[in-house]
Amino acid sequence: SLFAAAALVSAAPFESRPVNPSWPNPIAGDFIWKVSKFEGRKSDGIYTRFSFNIKATNDGALEANCTAQADKLEEHKWYSCDKLFSFSFNSDRNGLLVKRVENEETVFGTTSIPNMCGKAPGTQDSPRQNVA
């Protein structure tokens, strides 16, 4: 059977964690990112697609759309979003890890994605969305 796991994560942006712990932890800006329009497709226990938008919360231009699709997406593998962002996932903890690399600066952020399962008619699964 085909199942879809999807969520719209928009209620609380997650904070990125700078590699250098001496950096200040800002309240908003390029280091506070919001994940939205998240969609994850999982069929027979295997993720086949992830898609989401990530954006800085300071109304700046830092934004990326991330999508990875394959017969089987690999956990702990980095998938490229654009020239700055990459992401990885851990399915047993529903964890999403995002990495931004610019020049010699690397910043990580993490969040958990809530599960929501559904079955759609037809041969393709159809994701549902949930607000976390």
Protein backbone atom coordinates (compact mmCIF):
# COMPACT_ATOMS: atom_id res chain seq x y z
CA SER A 1 0.00 0.00 0.00
CA LEU A 2 1.11 3.55 -0.61
CA PHE A 3 1.37 6.00 2.26
CA ALA A 4 2.21 9.65 2.35
CA ALA A 5 3.87 11.51 5.16
CA ALA A 6 3.58 15.24 4.83
CA ALA A 7 3.53 18.31 7.00
CA LEU A 8 3.54 22.03 6.67
CA VAL A 9 6.06 23.24 9.20
CA SER A 10 5.45 26.91 9.76
CA ALA A 11 4.43 27.50 13.37
CA ALA A 12 7.92 27.81 14.83
CA PRO A 13 11.07 28.45 12.85
CA PHE A 14 14.11 26.54 13.97
CA GLU A 15 17.38 28.12 14.94
CA SER A 16 20.52 27.18 13.10
CA ARG A 17 23.51 26.26 15.19
CA PRO A 18 26.74 28.00 14.20
CA VAL A 19 29.82 25.80 14.00
CA ASN A 20 31.72 28.38 16.07
CA PRO A 21 30.10 28.47 19.56
CA SER A 22 31.52 31.95 20.27
CA TRP A 23 29.11 33.53 17.76
CA PRO A 24 26.14 35.38 19.24
CA ASN A 25 22.79 33.59 19.00
CA PRO A 26 20.52 36.07 17.18
CA ILE A 27 16.76 36.27 17.64
CA ALA A 28 16.11 36.89 13.93
CA GLY A 29 18.16 37.17 10.79
CA ASP A 30 20.03 35.02 8.34
CA PHE A 31 20.60 32.40 11.06
CA ILE A 32 16.92 31.88 11.94
CA TRP A 33 15.28 29.82 9.19
CA LYS A 34 11.66 28.90 8.55
CA VAL A 35 10.81 25.59 6.87
CA SER A 36 7.48 25.59 5.03
CA LYS A 37 5.63 23.63 2.36
CA PHE A 38 7.23 20.40 3.60
CA GLU A 39 6.23 17.22 1.80
CA GLY A 40 7.67 13.77 2.38
CA ARG A 41 6.52 10.69 0.50
CA LYS A 42 7.03 7.27 1.99
CA SER A 43 5.90 4.06 0.32
CA ASP A 44 6.35 0.64 1.94
CA GLY A 45 8.65 2.15 4.57
CA ILE A 46 10.95 3.86 2.05
CA TYR A 47 11.14 7.61 1.51
CA THR A 48 11.03 8.46 -2.20
CA ARG A 49 10.62 12.24 -2.10
CA PHE A 50 11.28 15.28 0.09
CA SER A 51 10.34 18.81 -0.84
CA PHE A 52 10.28 22.02 1.22
CA ASN A 53 11.05 25.73 1.23
CA ILE A 54 13.57 27.28 3.62
CA LYS A 55 13.82 31.02 4.21
CA ALA A 56 15.61 33.42 6.56
CA THR A 57 13.24 35.20 8.96
CA ASN A 58 14.70 38.67 8.47
CA ASP A 59 12.79 39.37 5.24
CA GLY A 60 16.07 39.07 3.39
CA ALA A 61 16.79 37.31 0.14
CA LEU A 62 18.12 34.10 1.73
CA GLU A 63 15.66 31.49 0.43
CA ALA A 64 15.82 28.06 -1.22
CA ASN A 65 13.48 25.38 -2.47
CA CYS A 66 14.75 21.91 -1.67
CA THR A 67 13.67 18.74 -3.48
CA ALA A 68 15.10 15.25 -3.65
CA GLN A 69 13.43 12.32 -5.38
CA ALA A 70 14.60 8.76 -6.04
CA ASP A 71 13.42 5.16 -5.84
CA LYS A 72 14.97 5.20 -2.36
CA LEU A 73 16.30 8.31 -0.63
CA GLU A 74 19.27 7.51 1.58
CA GLU A 75 19.35 8.58 5.22
CA HIS A 76 22.30 10.68 6.38
CA LYS A 77 23.17 11.56 2.76
CA TRP A 78 23.40 15.26 1.87
CA TYR A 79 21.03 16.39 -0.88
CA SER A 80 21.70 19.75 -2.51
CA CYS A 81 19.03 22.47 -2.56
CA ASP A 82 20.99 25.20 -4.28
CA LYS A 83 24.47 26.66 -4.09
CA LEU A 84 24.14 27.45 -0.34
CA PHE A 85 21.81 24.86 1.23
CA SER A 86 21.86 21.08 1.56
CA PHE A 87 19.73 18.76 3.68
CA SER A 88 19.78 15.29 5.20
CA PHE A 89 17.22 13.27 7.16
CA ASN A 90 16.89 10.62 9.85
CA SER A 91 13.61 8.71 9.46
CA ASP A 92 13.51 6.92 12.83
CA ARG A 93 13.48 10.31 14.61
CA ASN A 94 11.70 12.27 11.87
CA GLY A 95 14.66 14.62 11.88
CA LEU A 96 15.58 17.09 9.20
CA LEU A 97 19.10 18.53 9.17
CA VAL A 98 19.84 21.59 7.03
CA LYS A 99 23.32 22.88 6.22
CA ARG A 100 24.29 26.24 4.76
CA VAL A 101 27.81 26.72 3.44
CA GLU A 102 29.01 30.10 2.25
CA ASN A 103 32.69 30.93 1.77
CA GLU A 104 34.33 29.21 4.75
CA GLU A 105 31.29 29.47 7.04
CA THR A 106 29.15 26.38 7.73
CA VAL A 107 25.90 26.65 9.69
CA PHE A 108 23.59 23.75 10.68
CA GLY A 109 19.93 23.72 11.70
CA THR A 110 17.67 20.89 12.84
CA THR A 111 13.95 20.31 13.24
CA SER A 112 11.54 17.41 13.66
CA ILE A 113 8.83 16.77 11.10
CA PRO A 114 5.52 15.41 12.43
CA ASN A 115 4.15 12.27 10.76
CA MET A 116 0.84 12.25 8.98
CA CYS A 117 -0.18 9.19 7.00
CA GLY A 118 -2.86 8.79 4.40
CA LYS A 119 -3.85 6.60 1.50
CA ALA A 120 -5.20 8.03 -1.69
CA PRO A 121 -7.20 6.31 -4.41
CA GLY A 122 -5.36 5.34 -7.55
CA THR A 123 -1.82 4.23 -8.15
CA GLN A 124 -0.04 7.29 -6.79
CA ASP A 125 -0.01 8.44 -3.19
CA SER A 126 -1.27 11.92 -2.43
CA PRO A 127 0.29 13.89 0.43
CA ARG A 128 -1.71 15.67 3.07
CA GLN A 129 -0.52 18.74 4.85
CA ASN A 130 -0.53 19.48 8.56
CA VAL A 131 0.37 22.58 10.53
CA ALA A 132 2.78 21.85 13.36
